[in-house]
Amino acid sequence: MIDRLREPPPTAGLALSWRDFLPGPPSLERKIADFIGVPEVQIECSGTAALVVALLTLKNMSRRRSVVISAYTCPWVALAVVQCGLTPVVCDSRKNHFELCLESLAAVCTNDTLAVIPTHLAGRVAQLDAVTSIARSVGAYLVEDAAQSFGALHAAHPVGTLGDIGFYSLGVGKGLTIYAGGVLVARDEKMRESLRRTSAQFVRASFAREVKRIVELVGYYLLYRPFGMGLAFGIPLRRHLTKGRLIEAVGDDCALPVTLHRVGTWRRTVGAHAFTRFPDYVLSTRMQAEGRIARLGTIPGVTVITDTPENQGVWPFLLVLMPSQKSRDAALASLWRQGLGVGRLFIHALADYQYLAGYFAGAHTPNATDFAERLLIVTNTVWLREKDFIKTCAVLAEQASNA
């Protein structure tokens, strides 16, 4: 039976305190820049908006028009490329993983490739050395999609700071949040100046949109806790699942245009206050994830996507790969509706979404399709009770043994 008064959030986001809403200096940019060790950062209204600004900047610097993206990533990435008047090209993932397949990457990169966008997915850290080498070999820029991985480290360096441009999301469930926001990063001063010019040219203030985000941020403060998740998340989720609307259930129902508007001072101040708790949040969720991974690791046939020893990710939720689509679907049939923090990330590989199919005609990404068909996620929130996590493990074990 679903405990509608205690449903864990689907991701381990950083909860807000009433003190975050008090007046204070709008120093969010400075706090983030100091945290990741760069001179400055640029705030946009979403991670996708940050990517649009980045791609428009690169488009103005080159005659190239193709952008290589992961075949298993957020559909908004593909739509951002399209909105910029560029051509998205999918690169298959390597088998049983979300990382770019190097053989596929070398095949799709050409002298028309403007940028390659590797994704640090779900807090996990993608290997970049070989990807960077292939991108550089064709003269392409490297744009790090670290939307879900703010706070993660690649060989002791913050992800998002290793390419020509990087971006993070400050959206709901991404760790630090101002309900909807994004961060642009570039180490090169000339690139940062170009990003600022692009933003000044294309991004305008919108009083109505900012008021809407403020109301949503207050709603996040009130409802992002066990007693509120059933109302804000659980009821809409189960309604979509009952009607078979899986894409809507996970929020993959994306459509152009990508909204661009200025982020107001008040939300930045809220984010600056909340940031003081962010390092402790990263540490506590990492330690919790280690224990949960150890338990999941005892289940034959179940794989948790982790990081290589030299990397250190963040853990909003766990990526769990089942041995087959049948076993994954059977596990979700038992767990998804039960308010246990179990669900799916992206429903399809990009080329398999009907609304994106026209952009990827002829794309062959079998590894990404297989990954999407066998993947489920388990929340890493501190509000997931141990007895509920044990129940999830038992169901996964049963279905994996039947694969």
Protein backbone atom coordinates (compact mmCIF):
# COMPACT_ATOMS: atom_id res chain seq x y z
CA MET A 1 0.00 0.00 0.00
CA ILE A 2 1.26 3.48 -0.87
CA ASP A 3 2.00 5.70 2.12
CA ARG A 4 0.62 8.88 0.58
CA LEU A 5 1.79 10.92 3.57
CA ARG A 6 5.40 9.79 3.18
CA GLU A 7 6.57 9.44 -0.39
CA PRO A 8 10.28 10.02 -1.08
CA PRO A 9 11.29 12.48 -3.81
CA PRO A 10 12.47 10.82 -7.03
CA THR A 11 15.87 12.49 -6.66
CA ALA A 12 18.04 13.65 -3.79
CA GLY A 13 17.70 17.37 -4.26
CA LEU A 14 18.86 19.93 -1.72
CA ALA A 15 15.85 20.94 0.38
CA LEU A 16 15.35 24.64 1.09
CA SER A 17 15.14 26.30 4.49
CA TRP A 18 13.01 29.28 5.42
CA ARG A 19 16.27 31.12 6.09
CA ASP A 20 17.12 30.87 2.38
CA PHE A 21 14.34 33.36 1.68
CA LEU A 22 15.84 36.09 3.86
CA PRO A 23 17.51 39.12 2.25
CA GLY A 24 21.18 38.91 1.43
CA PRO A 25 23.76 39.71 -1.22
CA PRO A 26 23.09 38.13 -4.66
CA SER A 27 26.40 36.27 -4.65
CA LEU A 28 25.38 32.96 -6.21
CA GLU A 29 27.71 33.43 -9.19
CA ARG A 30 30.66 34.14 -6.91
CA LYS A 31 29.95 31.13 -4.68
CA ILE A 32 29.70 28.75 -7.65
CA ALA A 33 32.81 30.20 -9.34
CA ASP A 34 34.87 29.79 -6.17
CA PHE A 35 33.53 26.26 -5.63
CA ILE A 36 34.61 25.01 -9.07
CA GLY A 37 37.75 27.15 -9.29
CA VAL A 38 36.98 29.45 -12.21
CA PRO A 39 37.11 33.25 -12.45
CA GLU A 40 33.39 33.66 -13.03
CA VAL A 41 30.22 31.89 -14.14
CA GLN A 42 27.12 33.01 -16.01
CA ILE A 43 23.58 32.31 -14.77
CA GLU A 44 20.83 31.48 -17.26
CA CYS A 45 17.20 30.43 -16.74
CA SER A 46 17.78 26.68 -17.25
CA GLY A 47 20.45 24.20 -18.17
CA THR A 48 18.91 23.99 -21.64
CA ALA A 49 18.95 27.76 -21.98
CA ALA A 50 22.62 27.73 -21.01
CA LEU A 51 23.27 25.19 -23.78
CA VAL A 52 21.39 27.36 -26.30
CA VAL A 53 23.54 30.36 -25.39
CA ALA A 54 26.67 28.21 -25.68
CA LEU A 55 25.74 26.84 -29.11
CA LEU A 56 24.70 30.23 -30.48
CA THR A 57 28.08 31.54 -29.35
CA LEU A 58 29.97 28.75 -31.12
CA LYS A 59 27.80 29.08 -34.21
CA ASN A 60 28.85 32.71 -34.50
CA MET A 61 32.50 31.65 -34.34
CA SER A 62 32.42 29.01 -37.09
CA ARG A 63 30.84 28.02 -40.41
CA ARG A 64 30.33 24.46 -39.17
CA ARG A 65 26.76 23.39 -38.46
CA SER A 66 26.70 19.84 -37.00
CA VAL A 67 26.65 19.03 -33.27
CA VAL A 68 27.35 15.51 -32.01
CA ILE A 69 25.31 14.49 -28.98
CA SER A 70 24.82 11.32 -27.00
CA ALA A 71 22.18 8.92 -28.25
CA TYR A 72 20.99 8.50 -24.65
CA THR A 73 20.53 11.89 -23.06
CA CYS A 74 17.80 14.40 -22.27
CA PRO A 75 15.65 15.24 -25.32
CA TRP A 76 16.09 18.92 -24.50
CA VAL A 77 19.70 18.63 -25.67
CA ALA A 78 18.58 17.71 -29.18
CA LEU A 79 15.95 20.46 -29.20
CA ALA A 80 18.49 23.05 -28.07
CA VAL A 81 20.66 22.15 -31.06
CA VAL A 82 17.67 22.48 -33.39
CA GLN A 83 16.59 25.81 -31.91
CA CYS A 84 20.03 27.20 -32.73
CA GLY A 85 19.63 26.29 -36.41
CA LEU A 86 22.20 23.51 -36.12
CA THR A 87 22.02 19.82 -37.03
CA PRO A 88 22.01 17.27 -34.19
CA VAL A 89 23.96 14.08 -34.89
CA VAL A 90 23.64 11.17 -32.47
CA CYS A 91 26.60 9.11 -31.33
CA ASP A 92 25.80 5.66 -29.97
CA SER A 93 26.75 4.85 -26.40
CA ARG A 94 29.17 2.11 -25.50
CA LYS A 95 27.58 -1.20 -24.57
CA ASN A 96 25.89 -1.30 -21.15
CA HIS A 97 26.71 2.36 -20.48
CA PHE A 98 25.70 5.92 -21.27
CA GLU A 99 29.19 7.10 -22.30
CA LEU A 100 29.93 7.86 -25.94
CA CYS A 101 31.14 4.89 -27.97
CA LEU A 102 34.54 5.98 -29.29
CA GLU A 103 34.19 4.01 -32.52
CA SER A 104 30.80 5.60 -33.18
CA LEU A 105 32.14 9.03 -32.26
CA ALA A 106 35.02 8.78 -34.71
CA ALA A 107 32.57 7.73 -37.43
CA VAL A 108 30.11 10.62 -36.96
CA CYS A 109 32.64 13.43 -36.49
CA THR A 110 33.43 15.28 -39.73
CA ASN A 111 34.85 18.59 -40.90
CA ASP A 112 31.34 20.00 -40.40
CA THR A 113 31.26 19.11 -36.69
CA LEU A 114 30.99 22.31 -34.68
CA ALA A 115 30.89 20.69 -31.24
CA VAL A 116 30.81 17.39 -29.41
CA ILE A 117 28.65 17.26 -26.26
CA PRO A 118 29.49 14.39 -23.88
CA THR A 119 27.08 13.97 -20.97
CA HIS A 120 27.92 13.41 -17.31
CA LEU A 121 24.67 11.58 -16.64
CA ALA A 122 22.86 11.35 -13.30
CA GLY A 123 25.90 12.53 -11.39
CA ARG A 124 28.13 9.92 -13.00
CA VAL A 125 31.38 11.13 -14.52
CA ALA A 126 32.00 10.40 -18.19
CA GLN A 127 35.53 9.67 -19.36
CA LEU A 128 36.69 12.63 -21.45
CA ASP A 129 40.28 12.12 -22.58
CA ALA A 130 39.60 10.03 -25.68
CA VAL A 131 36.43 11.99 -26.50
CA THR A 132 38.37 15.24 -26.34
CA SER A 133 41.08 13.81 -28.57
CA ILE A 134 38.57 12.80 -31.25
CA ALA A 135 36.82 16.16 -31.10
CA ARG A 136 40.11 18.03 -31.40
CA SER A 137 41.19 15.84 -34.33
CA VAL A 138 38.37 17.28 -36.46
CA GLY A 139 38.64 20.81 -35.06
CA ALA A 140 35.43 20.62 -33.00
CA TYR A 141 34.72 22.33 -29.68
CA LEU A 142 33.97 20.26 -26.57
CA VAL A 143 30.87 21.28 -24.59
CA GLU A 144 30.41 19.38 -21.32
CA ASP A 145 26.83 18.58 -20.38
CA ALA A 146 27.13 18.47 -16.60
CA ALA A 147 23.48 19.40 -16.05
CA GLN A 148 22.92 16.54 -13.60
CA SER A 149 26.43 16.48 -12.15
CA PHE A 150 27.23 19.77 -10.42
CA GLY A 151 29.80 19.00 -7.74
CA ALA A 152 31.31 15.94 -9.46
CA LEU A 153 35.04 15.59 -10.11
CA HIS A 154 36.92 14.19 -13.11
CA ALA A 155 40.44 13.28 -11.92
CA ALA A 156 40.14 15.91 -9.14
CA HIS A 157 38.90 18.60 -11.56
CA PRO A 158 35.27 19.77 -11.45
CA VAL A 159 33.24 18.42 -14.36
CA GLY A 160 32.07 21.20 -16.62
CA THR A 161 35.45 22.93 -16.49
CA LEU A 162 37.42 20.58 -18.72
CA GLY A 163 36.02 21.44 -22.15
CA ASP A 164 35.73 24.70 -24.04
CA ILE A 165 32.36 25.32 -22.39
CA GLY A 166 30.45 23.52 -19.65
CA PHE A 167 26.98 23.92 -18.21
CA TYR A 168 25.04 22.83 -15.12
CA SER A 169 21.36 22.77 -14.27
CA LEU A 170 19.90 24.36 -11.17
CA GLY A 171 16.57 22.69 -11.84
CA VAL A 172 14.46 20.72 -9.40
CA GLY A 173 16.14 17.57 -8.17
CA LYS A 174 19.59 18.46 -9.51
CA GLY A 175 21.11 19.17 -6.08
CA LEU A 176 21.35 22.92 -5.67
CA THR A 177 18.23 24.50 -7.15
CA ILE A 178 16.51 27.83 -7.71
CA TYR A 179 13.62 25.80 -9.20
CA ALA A 180 14.80 26.46 -12.76
CA GLY A 181 18.22 27.80 -13.61
CA GLY A 182 21.43 27.06 -15.42
CA VAL A 183 25.12 27.89 -15.14
CA LEU A 184 27.58 28.48 -17.98
CA VAL A 185 31.30 27.93 -17.47
CA ALA A 186 34.35 28.68 -19.66
CA ARG A 187 37.97 28.98 -18.57
CA ASP A 188 39.02 31.15 -21.51
CA GLU A 189 38.31 34.86 -21.03
CA LYS A 190 37.55 35.46 -24.71
CA MET A 191 35.03 32.64 -24.65
CA ARG A 192 33.41 34.03 -21.51
CA GLU A 193 33.13 37.43 -23.16
CA SER A 194 31.52 35.84 -26.21
CA LEU A 195 29.02 34.01 -23.99
CA ARG A 196 28.13 37.25 -22.24
CA ARG A 197 27.56 39.01 -25.57
CA THR A 198 25.35 36.22 -26.82
CA SER A 199 23.26 36.26 -23.67
CA ALA A 200 22.88 40.04 -23.86
CA GLN A 201 21.71 39.72 -27.46
CA PHE A 202 19.19 36.90 -27.10
CA VAL A 203 18.03 36.80 -23.46
CA ARG A 204 15.50 39.32 -22.20
CA ALA A 205 13.87 39.98 -18.84
CA SER A 206 10.34 38.67 -18.39
CA PHE A 207 8.44 39.77 -15.32
CA ALA A 208 5.66 37.20 -15.81
CA ARG A 209 8.03 34.25 -16.22
CA GLU A 210 10.12 35.27 -13.23
CA VAL A 211 7.04 35.63 -11.01
CA LYS A 212 5.97 32.15 -12.11
CA ARG A 213 9.37 30.73 -11.15
CA ILE A 214 9.26 32.48 -7.77
CA VAL A 215 5.88 30.89 -7.02
CA GLU A 216 7.24 27.50 -8.11
CA LEU A 217 10.32 27.94 -5.93
CA VAL A 218 8.12 28.61 -2.90
CA GLY A 219 6.12 25.53 -3.83
CA TYR A 220 9.35 23.53 -3.94
CA TYR A 221 10.22 24.72 -0.43
CA LEU A 222 6.80 23.64 0.85
CA LEU A 223 6.45 20.31 -0.96
CA TYR A 224 9.96 18.92 -1.49
CA ARG A 225 9.75 16.65 1.51
CA PRO A 226 8.09 13.28 2.13
CA PHE A 227 4.66 14.60 3.04
CA GLY A 228 4.50 16.80 -0.06
CA MET A 229 5.84 14.49 -2.75
CA GLY A 230 2.69 12.40 -2.94
CA LEU A 231 0.74 15.51 -3.83
CA ALA A 232 3.25 17.25 -6.10
CA PHE A 233 4.78 14.20 -7.79
CA GLY A 234 3.06 10.95 -6.90
CA ILE A 235 -0.50 11.74 -7.92
CA PRO A 236 0.42 13.12 -11.40
CA LEU A 237 2.87 10.23 -11.93
CA ARG A 238 0.28 7.54 -11.22
CA ARG A 239 -2.28 9.32 -13.37
CA HIS A 240 0.12 9.25 -16.33
CA LEU A 241 1.05 5.61 -15.69
CA THR A 242 -2.59 4.57 -15.52
CA LYS A 243 -3.14 6.10 -18.95
CA GLY A 244 0.06 4.59 -20.35
CA ARG A 245 1.70 7.99 -20.87
CA LEU A 246 5.27 7.03 -20.00
CA ILE A 247 6.91 10.02 -21.69
CA GLU A 248 4.75 12.42 -19.69
CA ALA A 249 5.35 10.39 -16.52
CA VAL A 250 9.08 11.13 -16.60
CA GLY A 251 8.82 14.62 -18.11
CA ASP A 252 10.18 13.75 -21.55
CA ASP A 253 7.34 15.60 -23.30
CA CYS A 254 9.63 18.35 -24.58
CA ALA A 255 8.80 20.85 -27.30
CA LEU A 256 10.29 23.92 -28.92
CA PRO A 257 10.93 26.71 -28.28
CA VAL A 258 13.42 26.62 -25.43
CA THR A 259 12.47 29.50 -23.14
CA LEU A 260 15.08 32.21 -22.59
CA HIS A 261 14.68 34.87 -19.89
CA ARG A 262 16.67 36.56 -17.16
CA VAL A 263 16.91 35.10 -13.65
CA GLY A 264 15.94 37.66 -11.03
CA THR A 265 18.01 38.82 -8.07
CA TRP A 266 15.73 37.27 -5.45
CA ARG A 267 16.05 33.70 -6.75
CA ARG A 268 19.80 34.12 -7.02
CA THR A 269 19.86 35.19 -3.37
CA VAL A 270 17.87 32.11 -2.34
CA GLY A 271 20.37 29.97 -4.22
CA ALA A 272 23.32 31.73 -2.57
CA HIS A 273 21.91 31.04 0.89
CA ALA A 274 21.18 27.39 0.07
CA PHE A 275 24.67 26.94 -1.37
CA THR A 276 26.21 27.11 2.10
CA ARG A 277 24.73 23.60 2.72
CA PHE A 278 25.66 22.18 -0.67
CA PRO A 279 29.11 20.70 0.15
CA ASP A 280 27.68 18.81 3.14
CA TYR A 281 24.78 17.61 0.96
CA VAL A 282 27.24 16.22 -1.61
CA LEU A 283 29.19 14.38 1.07
CA SER A 284 26.17 12.92 2.85
CA THR A 285 24.48 11.67 -0.32
CA ARG A 286 27.77 10.17 -1.51
CA MET A 287 28.20 8.23 1.73
CA GLN A 288 24.59 7.05 1.59
CA ALA A 289 24.99 5.95 -2.03
CA GLU A 290 28.00 3.84 -1.15
CA GLY A 291 25.93 1.77 1.28
CA ARG A 292 23.04 1.36 -1.13
CA ILE A 293 25.35 0.41 -4.01
CA ALA A 294 26.96 -2.24 -1.83
CA ARG A 295 23.58 -3.82 -1.15
CA LEU A 296 22.50 -3.68 -4.80
CA GLY A 297 25.88 -5.13 -5.77
CA THR A 298 24.99 -8.40 -4.03
CA ILE A 299 22.11 -9.03 -6.45
CA PRO A 300 23.16 -11.30 -9.33
CA GLY A 301 22.43 -9.80 -12.74
CA VAL A 302 21.91 -6.25 -11.45
CA THR A 303 24.49 -3.58 -12.33
CA VAL A 304 24.79 -0.14 -10.77
CA ILE A 305 26.54 2.43 -12.97
CA THR A 306 29.39 3.86 -10.91
CA ASP A 307 32.54 5.91 -11.47
CA THR A 308 36.10 4.84 -12.20
CA PRO A 309 38.46 5.15 -9.19
CA GLU A 310 39.99 8.46 -10.29
CA ASN A 311 36.57 10.13 -10.60
CA GLN A 312 34.10 11.17 -7.93
CA GLY A 313 30.51 11.84 -8.89
CA VAL A 314 27.44 13.10 -7.09
CA TRP A 315 24.45 10.91 -6.33
CA PRO A 316 20.95 12.35 -6.88
CA PHE A 317 19.79 8.81 -7.74
CA LEU A 318 21.23 5.44 -8.74
CA LEU A 319 21.35 4.16 -12.33
CA VAL A 320 20.44 0.47 -12.16
CA LEU A 321 20.79 -1.76 -15.22
CA MET A 322 18.69 -4.92 -15.24
CA PRO A 323 19.68 -8.03 -17.22
CA SER A 324 16.82 -7.67 -19.71
CA GLN A 325 13.97 -5.38 -20.70
CA LYS A 326 11.53 -8.01 -19.46
CA SER A 327 13.07 -8.05 -15.98
CA ARG A 328 13.23 -4.23 -15.89
CA ASP A 329 9.58 -3.88 -16.87
CA ALA A 330 8.51 -6.54 -14.37
CA ALA A 331 10.39 -4.75 -11.58
CA LEU A 332 8.80 -1.43 -12.50
CA ALA A 333 5.35 -3.04 -12.62
CA SER A 334 5.83 -3.87 -8.93
CA LEU A 335 7.62 -0.73 -7.82
CA TRP A 336 6.95 2.34 -9.95
CA ARG A 337 3.49 3.14 -8.59
CA GLN A 338 4.32 2.34 -4.98
CA GLY A 339 5.92 5.61 -3.85
CA LEU A 340 9.32 4.00 -3.27
CA GLY A 341 11.46 6.36 -5.32
CA VAL A 342 11.85 3.90 -8.21
CA GLY A 343 11.24 4.93 -11.81
CA ARG A 344 12.83 5.63 -15.17
CA LEU A 345 15.16 8.36 -16.39
CA PHE A 346 14.62 8.95 -20.12
CA ILE A 347 12.11 6.64 -21.78
CA HIS A 348 13.96 6.18 -25.08
CA ALA A 349 17.22 6.69 -26.87
CA LEU A 350 16.86 9.99 -28.76
CA ALA A 351 16.25 8.48 -32.21
CA ASP A 352 13.39 6.40 -30.77
CA TYR A 353 11.21 9.35 -29.70
CA GLN A 354 8.50 9.91 -32.26
CA TYR A 355 8.76 13.69 -31.96
CA LEU A 356 12.53 13.56 -32.60
CA ALA A 357 12.61 10.83 -35.25
CA GLY A 358 12.63 13.31 -38.11
CA TYR A 359 15.97 14.71 -36.97
CA PHE A 360 17.66 11.31 -36.80
CA ALA A 361 16.45 9.41 -39.86
CA GLY A 362 18.71 6.44 -40.45
CA ALA A 363 20.47 6.72 -37.10
CA HIS A 364 21.75 3.37 -35.80
CA THR A 365 22.19 3.41 -32.02
CA PRO A 366 21.54 -0.15 -30.76
CA ASN A 367 23.59 0.22 -27.58
CA ALA A 368 21.68 3.33 -26.48
CA THR A 369 18.35 1.67 -27.26
CA ASP A 370 19.31 -1.39 -25.24
CA PHE A 371 20.50 0.79 -22.35
CA ALA A 372 17.20 2.69 -22.29
CA GLU A 373 15.23 -0.57 -22.35
CA ARG A 374 17.03 -2.09 -19.33
CA LEU A 375 17.57 0.97 -17.12
CA LEU A 376 15.67 2.02 -14.03
CA ILE A 377 16.53 4.54 -11.33
CA VAL A 378 16.37 4.43 -7.54
CA THR A 379 16.27 7.66 -5.57
CA ASN A 380 19.15 8.46 -3.23
CA THR A 381 17.22 10.84 -1.01
CA VAL A 382 17.77 10.66 2.75
CA TRP A 383 13.99 10.35 3.04
CA LEU A 384 13.92 6.86 1.51
CA ARG A 385 13.33 4.55 4.47
CA GLU A 386 15.62 1.54 4.84
CA LYS A 387 12.70 -0.88 4.87
CA ASP A 388 11.50 0.54 1.55
CA PHE A 389 14.96 0.25 0.01
CA ILE A 390 15.16 -3.38 1.19
CA LYS A 391 11.78 -4.03 -0.44
CA THR A 392 13.09 -2.57 -3.70
CA CYS A 393 16.18 -4.77 -3.54
CA ALA A 394 14.02 -7.87 -2.99
CA VAL A 395 11.90 -7.10 -6.05
CA LEU A 396 14.96 -6.44 -8.19
CA ALA A 397 16.52 -9.71 -7.04
CA GLU A 398 13.38 -11.67 -7.84
CA GLN A 399 12.97 -10.20 -11.32
CA ALA A 400 16.67 -10.44 -12.16
CA SER A 401 16.61 -14.14 -11.30
CA ASN A 402 13.68 -14.63 -13.69
CA ALA A 403 15.44 -12.92 -16.63
